[in-house]
Amino acid sequence: MPMNASKLRANIYRLLDQVLESGIPLEVERRGHLLRIVPVGGSPLDHLPRRSDYLKCDPEELVHRDWSGEWRP
C-alpha cells in the first residue's frame, strides 16, 4: 500500500532504515505518480534469515539419493 509524501517526510530515516534492513521496497504516491524506494545491489534472497540447522543430514545425501520411488505422475 503506497504512502503519501507527507508520511514519508515525517518518518524518512526510520522508513529508509526499514527498507535497508528488510529489502522490501517502499512505495510513495506523489502527484498521482507512484515512486518506489528500493535498496540497490544484492538480491532479495540476501535478506532471508539463515537457517544453518535446518538440514538434519549431509546435503550430499540429498543430491545422490534415488527419488524415483517417491515420484507420482
N, C-alpha and C. Protein backbone atom coordinates (compact mmCIF):
# COMPACT_ATOMS: atom_id res chain seq x y z
N MET A 1 0.85 -1.18 0.00
CA MET A 1 0.00 0.00 0.00
C MET A 1 0.89 1.24 0.00
N PRO A 2 0.81 2.05 -1.03
CA PRO A 2 1.64 3.25 -1.09
C PRO A 2 1.27 4.27 -0.01
N MET A 3 2.27 4.99 0.45
CA MET A 3 2.01 6.06 1.41
C MET A 3 2.16 7.40 0.70
N ASN A 4 1.64 8.45 1.31
CA ASN A 4 1.79 9.77 0.70
C ASN A 4 3.12 10.38 1.12
N ALA A 5 3.52 11.43 0.42
CA ALA A 5 4.82 12.05 0.66
C ALA A 5 4.91 12.67 2.05
N SER A 6 3.81 13.13 2.62
CA SER A 6 3.83 13.72 3.96
C SER A 6 4.22 12.69 5.02
N LYS A 7 3.69 11.46 4.90
CA LYS A 7 4.05 10.40 5.84
C LYS A 7 5.52 10.01 5.66
N LEU A 8 5.99 10.01 4.42
CA LEU A 8 7.39 9.72 4.16
C LEU A 8 8.27 10.78 4.83
N ARG A 9 7.94 12.04 4.64
CA ARG A 9 8.73 13.13 5.19
C ARG A 9 8.77 13.05 6.72
N ALA A 10 7.68 12.69 7.35
CA ALA A 10 7.61 12.63 8.81
C ALA A 10 8.47 11.50 9.38
N ASN A 11 8.69 10.45 8.60
CA ASN A 11 9.40 9.26 9.12
C ASN A 11 10.52 8.81 8.19
N ILE A 12 11.14 9.73 7.47
CA ILE A 12 12.06 9.37 6.40
C ILE A 12 13.19 8.45 6.85
N TYR A 13 13.87 8.77 7.95
CA TYR A 13 15.02 7.97 8.35
C TYR A 13 14.61 6.58 8.84
N ARG A 14 13.54 6.48 9.57
CA ARG A 14 13.05 5.19 10.03
C ARG A 14 12.65 4.32 8.84
N LEU A 15 11.95 4.93 7.86
CA LEU A 15 11.49 4.17 6.70
C LEU A 15 12.66 3.74 5.81
N LEU A 16 13.66 4.60 5.65
CA LEU A 16 14.83 4.22 4.85
C LEU A 16 15.59 3.08 5.52
N ASP A 17 15.74 3.14 6.85
CA ASP A 17 16.39 2.03 7.56
C ASP A 17 15.60 0.74 7.42
N GLN A 18 14.28 0.85 7.43
CA GLN A 18 13.43 -0.32 7.28
C GLN A 18 13.63 -0.96 5.91
N VAL A 19 13.73 -0.15 4.86
CA VAL A 19 13.96 -0.68 3.51
C VAL A 19 15.32 -1.38 3.45
N LEU A 20 16.33 -0.77 4.06
CA LEU A 20 17.67 -1.38 4.05
C LEU A 20 17.69 -2.71 4.80
N GLU A 21 17.02 -2.78 5.93
CA GLU A 21 17.04 -4.00 6.74
C GLU A 21 16.21 -5.11 6.15
N SER A 22 15.04 -4.78 5.61
CA SER A 22 14.13 -5.81 5.12
C SER A 22 14.32 -6.14 3.64
N GLY A 23 14.81 -5.16 2.87
CA GLY A 23 14.92 -5.36 1.43
C GLY A 23 13.60 -5.19 0.70
N ILE A 24 12.53 -4.86 1.44
CA ILE A 24 11.21 -4.68 0.85
C ILE A 24 11.08 -3.24 0.35
N PRO A 25 10.76 -3.04 -0.94
CA PRO A 25 10.63 -1.69 -1.47
C PRO A 25 9.52 -0.90 -0.78
N LEU A 26 9.69 0.41 -0.76
CA LEU A 26 8.72 1.32 -0.18
C LEU A 26 8.09 2.11 -1.32
N GLU A 27 6.77 2.13 -1.39
CA GLU A 27 6.07 2.85 -2.44
C GLU A 27 5.49 4.13 -1.88
N VAL A 28 5.69 5.22 -2.64
CA VAL A 28 5.23 6.55 -2.24
C VAL A 28 4.43 7.13 -3.40
N GLU A 29 3.27 7.68 -3.08
CA GLU A 29 2.46 8.34 -4.11
C GLU A 29 2.72 9.83 -4.05
N ARG A 30 3.05 10.42 -5.20
CA ARG A 30 3.35 11.85 -5.27
C ARG A 30 2.75 12.41 -6.55
N ARG A 31 1.82 13.33 -6.40
CA ARG A 31 1.16 13.99 -7.54
C ARG A 31 0.58 12.98 -8.53
N GLY A 32 -0.02 11.95 -8.02
CA GLY A 32 -0.67 10.96 -8.87
C GLY A 32 0.27 9.93 -9.48
N HIS A 33 1.56 10.00 -9.14
CA HIS A 33 2.53 9.04 -9.66
C HIS A 33 3.04 8.19 -8.51
N LEU A 34 3.40 6.98 -8.84
CA LEU A 34 3.91 6.04 -7.84
C LEU A 34 5.43 5.98 -7.94
N LEU A 35 6.09 6.20 -6.82
CA LEU A 35 7.55 6.10 -6.75
C LEU A 35 7.90 4.92 -5.86
N ARG A 36 9.04 4.31 -6.13
CA ARG A 36 9.46 3.16 -5.33
C ARG A 36 10.89 3.38 -4.84
N ILE A 37 11.08 3.21 -3.54
CA ILE A 37 12.41 3.29 -2.95
C ILE A 37 12.87 1.86 -2.71
N VAL A 38 13.96 1.49 -3.36
CA VAL A 38 14.46 0.11 -3.26
C VAL A 38 15.95 0.12 -2.93
N PRO A 39 16.43 -0.88 -2.21
CA PRO A 39 17.87 -0.97 -1.99
C PRO A 39 18.57 -1.38 -3.29
N VAL A 40 19.71 -0.82 -3.55
CA VAL A 40 20.45 -1.11 -4.77
C VAL A 40 21.48 -2.19 -4.49
N GLY A 41 21.59 -3.13 -5.41
CA GLY A 41 22.57 -4.20 -5.28
C GLY A 41 22.04 -5.34 -4.42
N GLY A 42 22.69 -6.46 -4.56
CA GLY A 42 22.28 -7.63 -3.78
C GLY A 42 21.00 -8.23 -4.32
N SER A 43 20.59 -9.26 -3.69
CA SER A 43 19.40 -9.99 -4.07
C SER A 43 18.40 -9.94 -2.93
N PRO A 44 17.10 -9.95 -3.21
CA PRO A 44 16.13 -10.03 -2.13
C PRO A 44 16.32 -11.28 -1.26
N LEU A 45 16.93 -12.31 -1.84
CA LEU A 45 17.18 -13.53 -1.07
C LEU A 45 18.23 -13.30 0.01
N ASP A 46 19.05 -12.25 -0.14
CA ASP A 46 20.07 -11.94 0.87
C ASP A 46 19.44 -11.57 2.21
N HIS A 47 18.18 -11.17 2.20
CA HIS A 47 17.52 -10.72 3.41
C HIS A 47 16.75 -11.83 4.13
N LEU A 48 16.78 -13.03 3.57
CA LEU A 48 16.12 -14.15 4.24
C LEU A 48 16.95 -14.59 5.44
N PRO A 49 16.30 -15.01 6.50
CA PRO A 49 17.08 -15.47 7.66
C PRO A 49 17.84 -16.75 7.33
N ARG A 50 19.05 -16.85 7.84
CA ARG A 50 19.88 -18.05 7.65
C ARG A 50 19.36 -19.16 8.56
N ARG A 51 19.27 -20.35 8.02
CA ARG A 51 18.78 -21.49 8.79
C ARG A 51 19.81 -22.62 8.68
N SER A 52 20.92 -22.44 9.35
CA SER A 52 22.02 -23.40 9.24
C SER A 52 21.69 -24.75 9.87
N ASP A 53 20.74 -24.80 10.79
CA ASP A 53 20.40 -26.05 11.45
C ASP A 53 19.20 -26.75 10.82
N TYR A 54 18.80 -26.35 9.62
CA TYR A 54 17.59 -26.89 9.01
C TYR A 54 17.77 -28.33 8.55
N LEU A 55 18.85 -28.62 7.84
CA LEU A 55 19.07 -29.98 7.35
C LEU A 55 19.57 -30.87 8.48
N LYS A 56 19.01 -32.04 8.58
CA LYS A 56 19.40 -32.99 9.61
C LYS A 56 20.32 -34.07 9.05
N CYS A 57 20.78 -33.87 7.81
CA CYS A 57 21.67 -34.84 7.19
C CYS A 57 22.70 -34.09 6.34
N ASP A 58 23.62 -34.81 5.78
CA ASP A 58 24.62 -34.24 4.89
C ASP A 58 23.93 -33.88 3.56
N PRO A 59 24.09 -32.66 3.04
CA PRO A 59 23.43 -32.27 1.79
C PRO A 59 23.76 -33.19 0.62
N GLU A 60 24.93 -33.79 0.62
CA GLU A 60 25.30 -34.70 -0.47
C GLU A 60 24.37 -35.92 -0.54
N GLU A 61 23.81 -36.32 0.61
CA GLU A 61 22.87 -37.43 0.61
C GLU A 61 21.63 -37.10 -0.21
N LEU A 62 21.20 -35.87 -0.19
CA LEU A 62 20.02 -35.46 -0.95
C LEU A 62 20.31 -35.40 -2.45
N VAL A 63 21.53 -35.00 -2.80
CA VAL A 63 21.89 -34.87 -4.21
C VAL A 63 21.96 -36.23 -4.88
N HIS A 64 22.49 -37.21 -4.17
CA HIS A 64 22.72 -38.52 -4.78
C HIS A 64 21.65 -39.54 -4.43
N ARG A 65 20.59 -39.15 -3.82
CA ARG A 65 19.51 -40.07 -3.45
C ARG A 65 18.64 -40.39 -4.67
N ASP A 66 18.16 -41.61 -4.75
CA ASP A 66 17.26 -42.02 -5.82
C ASP A 66 15.83 -41.70 -5.38
N TRP A 67 15.24 -40.67 -5.99
CA TRP A 67 13.89 -40.22 -5.63
C TRP A 67 12.82 -40.84 -6.52
N SER A 68 13.18 -41.76 -7.42
CA SER A 68 12.22 -42.29 -8.38
C SER A 68 11.06 -43.04 -7.69
N GLY A 69 11.29 -43.63 -6.53
CA GLY A 69 10.22 -44.32 -5.81
C GLY A 69 9.22 -43.36 -5.17
N GLU A 70 9.61 -42.10 -4.99
CA GLU A 70 8.75 -41.10 -4.37
C GLU A 70 7.88 -40.36 -5.39
N TRP A 71 8.28 -40.40 -6.65
CA TRP A 71 7.61 -39.61 -7.68
C TRP A 71 6.30 -40.26 -8.10
N ARG A 72 5.24 -39.45 -8.18
CA ARG A 72 3.94 -39.92 -8.65
C ARG A 72 3.44 -38.95 -9.73
N PRO A 73 3.16 -39.48 -10.93
CA PRO A 73 2.70 -38.60 -12.03
C PRO A 73 1.33 -38.02 -11.77
